[in-house]
Structures are given as C-alpha cells and as structure tokens.
C-alpha cells in the first residue's frame, strides 16, 4: 500500500516526538510540518530530514495541501479545539493530542463535525493501550468484581513542579487546570472502567507549594540558588516519554504569577449511579497512578508507573481469596501505549472506514476536568451536558 501521508502541527517536545514516531513507521510518510515558531519549524525539518517535507506557518495552508491525508495536532491545549475542528472540516484523518479541548462546547463541535466526515478521529489517550489498563478492562468485562459502584483514583505527580511551573502552564488563563492538562489520562481510564457518562462534578483545589513572592521574570539560569533549589531546570530537559527538550522554559516555580492549583480533589456522579473520586498532587515524592474499583462482588486495585511495575490486586467479598497479576511490560512510552495507539490509528486509516474509538471517553474526561475547574471557581457542583451524538463507541 502507498504510505499514509501525514502532516504534524505543533512542533514542541511532544509534537516532534510524535512526528518522529509516525515517520519511523513504514506505513507513513510525514510530508508536512507546521508551526508559527520558525525556529521549531526549522528544527523539525532538520531532525526529520528536509527532503519531501513541506513547512507551513499556518494550519490552514497545510490543510489546503492535497498531499496531506492525515494530521497530528500537538499544539498547545487552548488551540486543540479550533485546530481539531479545522482538520475534521477539511475531511482529513485526525490524531489529536490530549486534552481534547478546553471547553465542552469545542469537544462537542468536533464530535458533530466528525459525523459524516468519513475519516478516522482519535485522541492521544494512549494509556488505554498499555498492558495494565487492557488487563483491568478485560477483568471488568468478565465480571470479576461485579458491577462497579464506587471508585477512586490518584495521580501522584512528582515531576509536576518541573513539568508545569516553569512556563505558561503555571497560569490558569493558559492551561485552565492541571486536572485538564494532566488528569484527563486517569479520568478517561476511570470513565472507561466504570462504563458510564458523568452527570455531575464537584471539586476543591489549591496552590500549596508552588507560587510565592519571586518576580515573574526570574529564571533558573540566572538564580543564585540554582545549586540548592530542588526545582532547578536546565534548558535541555528530558521528558518521561524520552523526548529531550532543547528550549525548556526555566521561569521560577515560586513566582507571584503562579495560580494553577498544584493539588485537586474531584468527585464525579455517573448516570448509572456509580460514584468516583480523583486526587491529583504535583508535589508528592512518587510518580505513579493508582486505580481502585469496588463492585458488587469484589475490589480491584491497579498500580501504574513509567517503569512498568504494573500490578493488579483483586479481592472478593465474603472470601479470603486474593489474586495478584503482573501484566507484561511492553516497549515504548506511556507503558507501551504510545506505539500501540499509533498502530491502531494507522490500522483504521488503512482500513478506509470512518471510526472514532475512544473519542467519547476523551470528551467525557475533558468534560469532568472542565466542570471541576468551574466547580472550584463557583463553589458548587456543576452538571455535565449529555453527548450530542448517541451510540458512540467507548
């Protein structure tokens, strides 16, 4: 088969990582790259090899290129909704980085635009494709713990300070919340495990460690405490999925302008009567995700970290039985989920049939995060509107 001709928009660390990953697949040829930052655009063309790579400063121009069949959107979060909608309206296949968008209205507009478009649409929530989460989903489908009635999850984010508080994501006006930026992975998994639609959300959040009285323009590179500060970063910075940033922001994490919450507690009610709580902390010493699902027959606990020390523990009501399973380790970032979600996207594009696996979950996870932010601001529970298209696959 002819290679799938892909364009990538947004060439920061994650975008460049995805551009390389897609281009390395024999089913793909990255024919276009797009970014308004000329330095990033030039770097991407240099890294990928300039031959046959068209460079664009504007997404509209790349979408007008008939050579581009599919688009990977890895722009900053606030642009996801508009960029994704433009790609779908252009009837190009879309792989959209998470979160799906920063408003529920934008998420729903993309779902409506996908209907009848004839394309494949996926959101990069790759943890569904790691062995731990696949095994948990299979056990839930088999009825191991019965019907899930209450659940809770924790995101322990030891890297939160260095990942989010040195640049624009330390401001709510840019990122809205880290529950949306970071937590949508875990929220998506919990929605998928529970298998129901969120109806109402309440949340509390605060900024307890980061922020302070440092000037907003203070940088690590000029700081006289660089040798002792635990949150010092160099501009060359390695992300947990392996990408090395060459231009990492190094603004002070203790600056006056920081207002993005560094810890949050979220409660969700679902349309099937289930309830779920979610905790996110960006100053904990460990970096892991933990999932607990309690059903009518038993309790399932799942442990995830980047080292793939995966573990599933299942206990049962009225029994001393306890099952412990260690799912297999797989190559690739995000517990092996990165290459597997890419493979699924390309497989569906080659199949030639319109599909949107996981988009419902991506919408609902973003909706919970968006509603949780509003709940904190307004001090009351927020209702989540229903999905505009019925019958979408989980």
Protein backbone atom coordinates (compact mmCIF):
# COMPACT_ATOMS: atom_id res chain seq x y z
CA UNK A 1 0.00 0.00 0.00
CA UNK A 2 1.04 3.59 -0.57
CA UNK A 3 2.31 5.31 2.60
CA UNK A 4 -0.19 7.37 4.56
CA UNK A 5 0.83 10.99 4.05
CA UNK A 6 0.84 12.78 7.41
CA UNK A 7 1.20 16.39 8.47
CA UNK A 8 2.12 17.41 12.02
CA UNK A 9 1.09 20.76 13.54
CA UNK A 10 2.70 21.95 16.79
CA UNK A 11 6.40 21.11 16.97
CA UNK A 12 7.23 21.43 20.64
CA UNK A 13 8.62 18.44 22.53
CA UNK A 14 5.57 16.21 22.21
CA UNK A 15 4.89 17.24 18.62
CA UNK A 16 8.43 16.49 17.50
CA UNK A 17 8.31 13.16 19.35
CA UNK A 18 5.11 12.22 17.51
CA UNK A 19 6.49 13.41 14.17
CA UNK A 20 9.49 11.14 14.54
CA UNK A 21 7.40 8.23 15.76
CA UNK A 22 4.93 8.41 12.87
CA UNK A 23 7.66 8.93 10.29
CA UNK A 24 9.54 5.88 11.56
CA UNK A 25 6.54 3.66 10.78
CA UNK A 26 6.85 2.04 7.32
CA UNK A 27 3.16 2.75 6.68
CA UNK A 28 3.71 6.51 6.97
CA UNK A 29 5.48 9.39 5.31
CA UNK A 30 5.45 12.73 7.17
CA UNK A 31 5.14 15.11 4.22
CA UNK A 32 4.40 18.36 6.06
CA UNK A 33 5.17 20.08 9.35
CA UNK A 34 3.57 23.23 10.71
CA UNK A 35 4.40 25.72 13.45
CA UNK A 36 4.27 29.50 13.78
CA UNK A 37 7.65 29.40 15.52
CA UNK A 38 10.18 29.48 12.69
CA UNK A 39 12.94 28.01 14.88
CA UNK A 40 10.82 24.99 15.81
CA UNK A 41 9.75 24.52 12.22
CA UNK A 42 13.36 24.56 11.03
CA UNK A 43 14.45 22.18 13.78
CA UNK A 44 11.71 19.69 12.87
CA UNK A 45 12.67 19.72 9.21
CA UNK A 46 16.31 19.27 10.15
CA UNK A 47 15.57 16.37 12.54
CA UNK A 48 13.24 14.62 10.09
CA UNK A 49 15.30 15.41 7.01
CA UNK A 50 14.17 18.21 4.74
CA UNK A 51 13.68 16.16 1.57
CA UNK A 52 9.99 15.95 0.77
CA UNK A 53 8.91 17.83 3.94
CA UNK A 54 6.87 20.92 3.25
CA UNK A 55 6.98 23.51 6.02
CA UNK A 56 4.00 25.71 6.91
CA UNK A 57 3.49 28.56 9.36
CA UNK A 58 -0.32 28.24 9.26
CA UNK A 59 -2.53 25.17 9.65
CA UNK A 60 -4.97 26.42 7.00
CA UNK A 61 -2.20 26.31 4.40
CA UNK A 62 -1.20 22.78 5.40
CA UNK A 63 -4.81 21.62 5.25
CA UNK A 64 -5.09 23.03 1.73
CA UNK A 65 -2.20 20.78 0.64
CA UNK A 66 -3.76 17.80 -1.20
CA UNK A 67 -0.74 15.67 -0.34
CA UNK A 68 -1.73 15.63 3.35
CA UNK A 69 -4.15 12.81 4.19
CA UNK A 70 -3.90 12.75 7.99
CA UNK A 71 -2.95 15.34 10.59
CA UNK A 72 -1.38 15.02 14.02
CA UNK A 73 -2.36 18.00 16.19
CA UNK A 74 0.12 18.68 19.03
CA UNK A 75 -0.36 22.41 19.51
CA UNK A 76 -0.87 23.97 22.94
CA UNK A 77 -4.06 22.94 24.77
CA UNK A 78 -6.04 26.11 24.09
CA UNK A 79 -5.73 25.52 20.33
CA UNK A 80 -6.80 21.87 20.32
CA UNK A 81 -10.49 22.62 19.82
CA UNK A 82 -10.11 25.02 16.91
CA UNK A 83 -7.30 23.03 15.26
CA UNK A 84 -9.14 19.73 15.57
CA UNK A 85 -12.32 21.23 14.17
CA UNK A 86 -10.42 22.67 11.18
CA UNK A 87 -8.88 19.27 10.41
CA UNK A 88 -12.23 17.46 10.58
CA UNK A 89 -13.93 20.07 8.42
CA UNK A 90 -11.14 19.60 5.88
CA UNK A 91 -12.00 15.85 5.97
CA UNK A 92 -8.51 14.77 6.95
CA UNK A 93 -7.89 11.93 9.41
CA UNK A 94 -7.16 13.38 12.85
CA UNK A 95 -4.89 12.28 15.69
CA UNK A 96 -5.39 14.92 18.38
CA UNK A 97 -3.19 15.21 21.46
CA UNK A 98 -4.99 15.29 24.80
CA UNK A 99 -6.84 17.07 26.30
CA UNK A 100 -9.46 17.08 23.57
CA UNK A 101 -10.22 20.78 24.17
CA UNK A 102 -10.53 23.38 26.90
CA UNK A 103 -14.32 23.74 26.59
CA UNK A 104 -17.07 21.14 26.40
CA UNK A 105 -18.59 23.07 23.50
CA UNK A 106 -15.43 22.60 21.43
CA UNK A 107 -15.36 18.87 22.23
CA UNK A 108 -18.97 18.51 21.12
CA UNK A 109 -18.40 20.57 17.99
CA UNK A 110 -15.63 18.15 16.95
CA UNK A 111 -17.87 15.15 17.55
CA UNK A 112 -20.59 16.73 15.40
CA UNK A 113 -18.04 17.60 12.69
CA UNK A 114 -16.75 14.01 12.65
CA UNK A 115 -20.23 12.63 11.92
CA UNK A 116 -20.44 12.00 8.20
CA UNK A 117 -16.86 13.11 7.56
CA UNK A 118 -15.68 9.64 6.55
CA UNK A 119 -12.41 9.96 8.47
CA UNK A 120 -10.67 8.39 11.46
CA UNK A 121 -10.61 10.54 14.60
CA UNK A 122 -8.64 9.59 17.70
CA UNK A 123 -7.42 11.47 20.78
CA UNK A 124 -3.98 10.63 22.22
CA UNK A 125 -5.09 8.97 25.46
CA UNK A 126 -2.60 6.17 24.99
CA UNK A 127 -2.82 4.68 28.49
CA UNK A 128 -5.85 2.67 27.36
CA UNK A 129 -3.36 0.72 25.26
CA UNK A 130 -0.89 -0.21 28.00
CA UNK A 131 -0.99 -3.79 29.27
CA UNK A 132 -2.16 -2.86 32.78
CA UNK A 133 -5.26 -1.00 31.65
CA UNK A 134 -6.13 -3.55 28.98
CA UNK A 135 -5.95 -6.32 31.59
CA UNK A 136 -8.10 -4.37 34.05
CA UNK A 137 -10.70 -3.71 31.37
CA UNK A 138 -10.78 -7.40 30.41
CA UNK A 139 -11.32 -8.45 34.04
CA UNK A 140 -14.10 -5.91 34.45
CA UNK A 141 -15.76 -7.18 31.27
CA UNK A 142 -15.55 -10.70 32.66
CA UNK A 143 -17.47 -9.57 35.75
CA UNK A 144 -14.62 -10.33 38.16
CA UNK A 145 -15.72 -7.71 40.71
CA UNK A 146 -19.32 -7.38 39.57
CA UNK A 147 -20.95 -4.03 38.86
CA UNK A 148 -18.67 -1.14 39.86
CA UNK A 149 -20.47 1.13 42.30
CA UNK A 150 -17.71 3.27 43.79
CA UNK A 151 -14.19 4.01 42.59
CA UNK A 152 -11.25 6.26 43.30
CA UNK A 153 -8.02 7.16 41.59
CA UNK A 154 -4.84 9.02 42.48
CA UNK A 155 -2.34 10.78 40.25
CA UNK A 156 0.97 11.08 42.11
CA UNK A 157 2.98 13.58 40.06
CA UNK A 158 6.47 14.03 41.49
CA UNK A 159 7.54 15.85 38.30
CA UNK A 160 4.72 18.40 38.49
CA UNK A 161 6.93 21.27 39.61
CA UNK A 162 9.45 20.88 36.81
CA UNK A 163 6.92 19.98 34.13
CA UNK A 164 4.31 22.67 34.71
CA UNK A 165 5.51 25.55 36.89
CA UNK A 166 8.46 26.83 34.87
CA UNK A 167 6.37 28.07 31.94
CA UNK A 168 2.92 29.29 30.86
CA UNK A 169 1.12 26.26 32.33
CA UNK A 170 1.62 27.79 35.76
CA UNK A 171 -1.17 30.22 34.79
CA UNK A 172 -4.86 29.21 34.76
CA UNK A 173 -5.52 31.57 31.86
CA UNK A 174 -3.24 29.39 29.70
CA UNK A 175 -3.85 25.83 30.90
CA UNK A 176 -7.14 26.21 32.86
CA UNK A 177 -6.14 23.43 35.28
CA UNK A 178 -3.70 20.55 35.61
CA UNK A 179 -6.66 18.23 36.08
CA UNK A 180 -7.39 19.05 32.43
CA UNK A 181 -3.77 19.10 31.23
CA UNK A 182 -2.55 16.04 33.15
CA UNK A 183 -5.51 14.32 34.78
CA UNK A 184 -7.51 13.55 31.64
CA UNK A 185 -5.46 10.35 31.21
CA UNK A 186 -6.66 8.94 34.52
CA UNK A 187 -10.17 10.39 34.23
CA UNK A 188 -10.54 8.75 30.82
CA UNK A 189 -9.48 5.40 32.25
CA UNK A 190 -11.92 5.67 35.14
CA UNK A 191 -14.78 6.55 32.77
CA UNK A 192 -13.80 3.58 30.60
CA UNK A 193 -13.58 1.21 33.56
CA UNK A 194 -16.91 2.36 35.00
CA UNK A 195 -18.57 2.45 31.58
CA UNK A 196 -20.97 5.33 32.26
CA UNK A 197 -21.45 9.01 31.50
CA UNK A 198 -20.52 11.67 34.08
CA UNK A 199 -23.50 13.77 35.12
CA UNK A 200 -22.33 15.98 37.97
CA UNK A 201 -18.93 17.11 39.24
CA UNK A 202 -17.70 18.81 42.39
CA UNK A 203 -14.11 19.75 43.23
CA UNK A 204 -11.75 21.54 45.58
CA UNK A 205 -8.26 22.72 44.69
CA UNK A 206 -5.47 24.93 45.94
CA UNK A 207 -1.91 26.12 45.39
CA UNK A 208 0.01 24.98 48.46
CA UNK A 209 3.66 24.55 47.41
CA UNK A 210 4.33 26.49 44.21
CA UNK A 211 3.90 30.22 43.69
CA UNK A 212 5.20 32.81 46.14
CA UNK A 213 6.83 36.20 46.04
CA UNK A 214 9.56 35.72 43.41
CA UNK A 215 9.45 38.11 40.41
CA UNK A 216 7.59 36.69 37.41
CA UNK A 217 10.64 37.07 35.17
CA UNK A 218 13.08 35.29 37.49
CA UNK A 219 14.77 32.33 35.74
CA UNK A 220 16.77 29.30 36.82
CA UNK A 221 19.65 30.21 34.55
CA UNK A 222 20.25 33.45 36.50
CA UNK A 223 19.35 32.26 40.01
CA UNK A 224 21.92 32.34 42.82
CA UNK A 225 20.12 29.38 44.44
CA UNK A 226 20.42 27.13 41.38
CA UNK A 227 22.78 24.69 43.14
CA UNK A 228 20.38 24.05 46.02
CA UNK A 229 16.88 24.52 44.59
CA UNK A 230 15.10 21.17 44.08
CA UNK A 231 13.17 22.65 41.15
CA UNK A 232 16.13 23.99 39.17
CA UNK A 233 15.94 23.02 35.50
CA UNK A 234 18.34 23.37 32.60
CA UNK A 235 17.00 24.38 29.19
CA UNK A 236 17.95 20.92 27.91
CA UNK A 237 15.38 18.78 29.71
CA UNK A 238 14.35 15.13 29.29
CA UNK A 239 10.65 14.27 29.48
CA UNK A 240 9.37 10.98 30.94
CA UNK A 241 8.47 9.65 27.47
CA UNK A 242 12.07 10.11 26.31
CA UNK A 243 11.95 13.36 24.34
CA UNK A 244 14.71 15.86 25.15
CA UNK A 245 13.59 19.49 25.05
CA UNK A 246 16.20 21.95 23.85
CA UNK A 247 14.29 25.08 24.88
CA UNK A 248 12.71 24.18 28.22
CA UNK A 249 11.18 27.19 29.99
CA UNK A 250 13.03 27.90 33.24
CA UNK A 251 10.91 30.55 34.97
CA UNK A 252 10.86 30.32 38.79
CA UNK A 253 8.25 27.96 40.24
CA UNK A 254 7.87 30.31 43.22
CA UNK A 255 6.85 33.34 41.16
CA UNK A 256 3.99 35.64 42.08
CA UNK A 257 2.18 34.86 38.84
CA UNK A 258 1.69 31.15 39.53
CA UNK A 259 -2.01 30.44 40.11
CA UNK A 260 -2.58 26.94 38.67
CA UNK A 261 -3.56 24.64 41.51
CA UNK A 262 -0.91 22.09 42.50
CA UNK A 263 -3.42 19.72 44.15
CA UNK A 264 -7.08 18.93 43.50
CA UNK A 265 -9.83 16.63 44.73
CA UNK A 266 -12.68 15.82 42.34
CA UNK A 267 -15.94 13.91 42.89
CA UNK A 268 -17.99 12.56 39.99
CA UNK A 269 -21.53 11.13 39.86
CA UNK A 270 -22.42 8.92 36.86
CA UNK A 271 -25.70 8.22 35.08
CA UNK A 272 -25.66 4.56 36.21
CA UNK A 273 -25.47 5.52 39.88
CA UNK A 274 -21.73 4.94 40.27
CA UNK A 275 -19.52 7.47 42.05
CA UNK A 276 -15.82 8.22 41.61
CA UNK A 277 -13.28 10.42 43.39
CA UNK A 278 -10.00 11.62 41.90
CA UNK A 279 -6.97 13.12 43.66
CA UNK A 280 -4.10 14.87 41.87
CA UNK A 281 -0.94 16.09 43.61
CA UNK A 282 2.07 17.75 41.99
CA UNK A 283 4.44 17.84 44.95
CA UNK A 284 4.31 14.20 46.07
CA UNK A 285 7.66 12.31 46.08
CA UNK A 286 6.41 9.50 43.83
CA UNK A 287 5.30 9.36 40.20
CA UNK A 288 2.53 6.83 39.69
CA UNK A 289 -1.15 6.26 39.07
CA UNK A 290 -3.39 4.15 41.29
CA UNK A 291 -6.87 2.90 40.43
CA UNK A 292 -9.40 1.28 42.79
CA UNK A 293 -12.77 -0.06 41.62
CA UNK A 294 -15.22 -1.58 44.10
CA UNK A 295 -18.04 -3.67 42.70
CA UNK A 296 -20.83 -5.86 43.95
CA UNK A 297 -18.54 -8.91 44.05
CA UNK A 298 -15.13 -7.54 44.96
CA UNK A 299 -12.44 -4.88 44.74
CA UNK A 300 -9.82 -4.31 42.04
CA UNK A 301 -6.67 -2.25 42.54
CA UNK A 302 -4.31 -1.31 39.71
CA UNK A 303 -0.85 0.26 40.01
CA UNK A 304 0.89 2.08 37.15
CA UNK A 305 4.28 3.76 36.82
CA UNK A 306 6.58 4.57 33.92
CA UNK A 307 8.95 1.76 34.92
CA UNK A 308 6.06 -0.63 34.22
CA UNK A 309 5.97 -2.18 37.69
CA UNK A 310 2.36 -2.94 36.84
CA UNK A 311 0.24 -4.81 39.36
CA UNK A 312 -3.43 -5.77 39.66
CA UNK A 313 -4.75 -6.98 43.01
CA UNK A 314 -8.28 -8.38 43.24
CA UNK A 315 -10.05 -9.32 46.46
CA UNK A 316 -13.54 -10.75 46.83
CA UNK A 317 -16.49 -10.28 49.15
CA UNK A 318 -17.03 -12.98 51.80
CA UNK A 319 -13.77 -14.65 50.82
CA UNK A 320 -10.11 -14.70 51.82
CA UNK A 321 -9.10 -15.16 48.19
CA UNK A 322 -6.75 -12.58 46.68
CA UNK A 323 -5.49 -12.62 43.10
CA UNK A 324 -2.35 -10.72 42.10
CA UNK A 325 -1.40 -10.31 38.44
CA UNK A 326 1.66 -8.59 36.94
CA UNK A 327 0.82 -7.55 33.34
CA UNK A 328 3.56 -7.79 30.74
CA UNK A 329 5.99 -4.98 30.02
CA UNK A 330 5.92 -3.50 26.54
CA UNK A 331 8.35 -1.25 24.65
CA UNK A 332 7.54 2.40 24.15
CA UNK A 333 6.45 5.45 26.11
CA UNK A 334 3.47 5.56 28.47
CA UNK A 335 3.74 1.91 29.41
CA UNK A 336 3.90 0.82 25.78
CA UNK A 337 0.75 2.77 24.97
CA UNK A 338 2.41 5.26 22.58
CA UNK A 339 3.29 2.80 19.80
CA UNK A 340 0.07 0.81 20.24
CA UNK A 341 -2.31 3.75 19.89
CA UNK A 342 -0.34 4.92 16.85
CA UNK A 343 -0.66 1.44 15.37
CA UNK A 344 -4.42 1.45 15.96
CA UNK A 345 -4.83 4.84 14.30
CA UNK A 346 -2.85 3.79 11.23
CA UNK A 347 -4.63 0.44 11.02
CA UNK A 348 -8.00 2.21 10.97
CA UNK A 349 -6.84 4.73 8.35
CA UNK A 350 -5.65 1.89 6.12
CA UNK A 351 -8.96 0.08 6.61
CA UNK A 352 -10.69 3.02 4.96
CA UNK A 353 -13.70 3.11 7.28
CA UNK A 354 -14.71 6.08 9.44
CA UNK A 355 -14.03 5.43 13.13
CA UNK A 356 -13.63 7.34 16.38
CA UNK A 357 -12.53 4.87 19.09
CA UNK A 358 -12.02 6.49 22.46
CA UNK A 359 -13.34 9.92 21.43
CA UNK A 360 -16.38 9.59 23.72
CA UNK A 361 -14.07 8.89 26.65
CA UNK A 362 -11.82 11.79 25.64
CA UNK A 363 -14.81 14.13 25.61
CA UNK A 364 -16.08 12.92 28.96
CA UNK A 365 -12.67 13.11 30.64
CA UNK A 366 -12.21 16.67 29.39
CA UNK A 367 -15.77 17.48 30.49
CA UNK A 368 -15.06 16.29 34.04
CA UNK A 369 -11.87 18.36 34.21
CA UNK A 370 -13.56 21.46 32.79
CA UNK A 371 -16.52 21.07 35.16
CA UNK A 372 -14.17 20.54 38.12
CA UNK A 373 -12.46 23.85 37.36
CA UNK A 374 -15.83 25.60 37.26
CA UNK A 375 -16.86 23.87 40.50
CA UNK A 376 -13.78 25.26 42.25
CA UNK A 377 -14.41 28.76 40.91
CA UNK A 378 -18.12 28.74 41.75
CA UNK A 379 -18.03 26.65 44.92
CA UNK A 380 -20.85 24.34 43.83
CA UNK A 381 -21.45 21.12 41.86
CA UNK A 382 -21.52 21.51 38.06
CA UNK A 383 -23.74 19.46 35.73
CA UNK A 384 -22.13 17.85 32.68
CA UNK A 385 -24.24 18.17 29.49
CA UNK A 386 -25.03 14.96 27.57
CA UNK A 387 -23.04 13.98 24.49
CA UNK A 388 -24.64 15.41 21.31
CA UNK A 389 -24.28 12.16 19.32
CA UNK A 390 -25.72 8.92 20.68
CA UNK A 391 -24.31 5.46 20.19
CA UNK A 392 -20.62 6.45 20.08
CA UNK A 393 -18.15 3.68 20.99
CA UNK A 394 -16.30 3.91 24.27
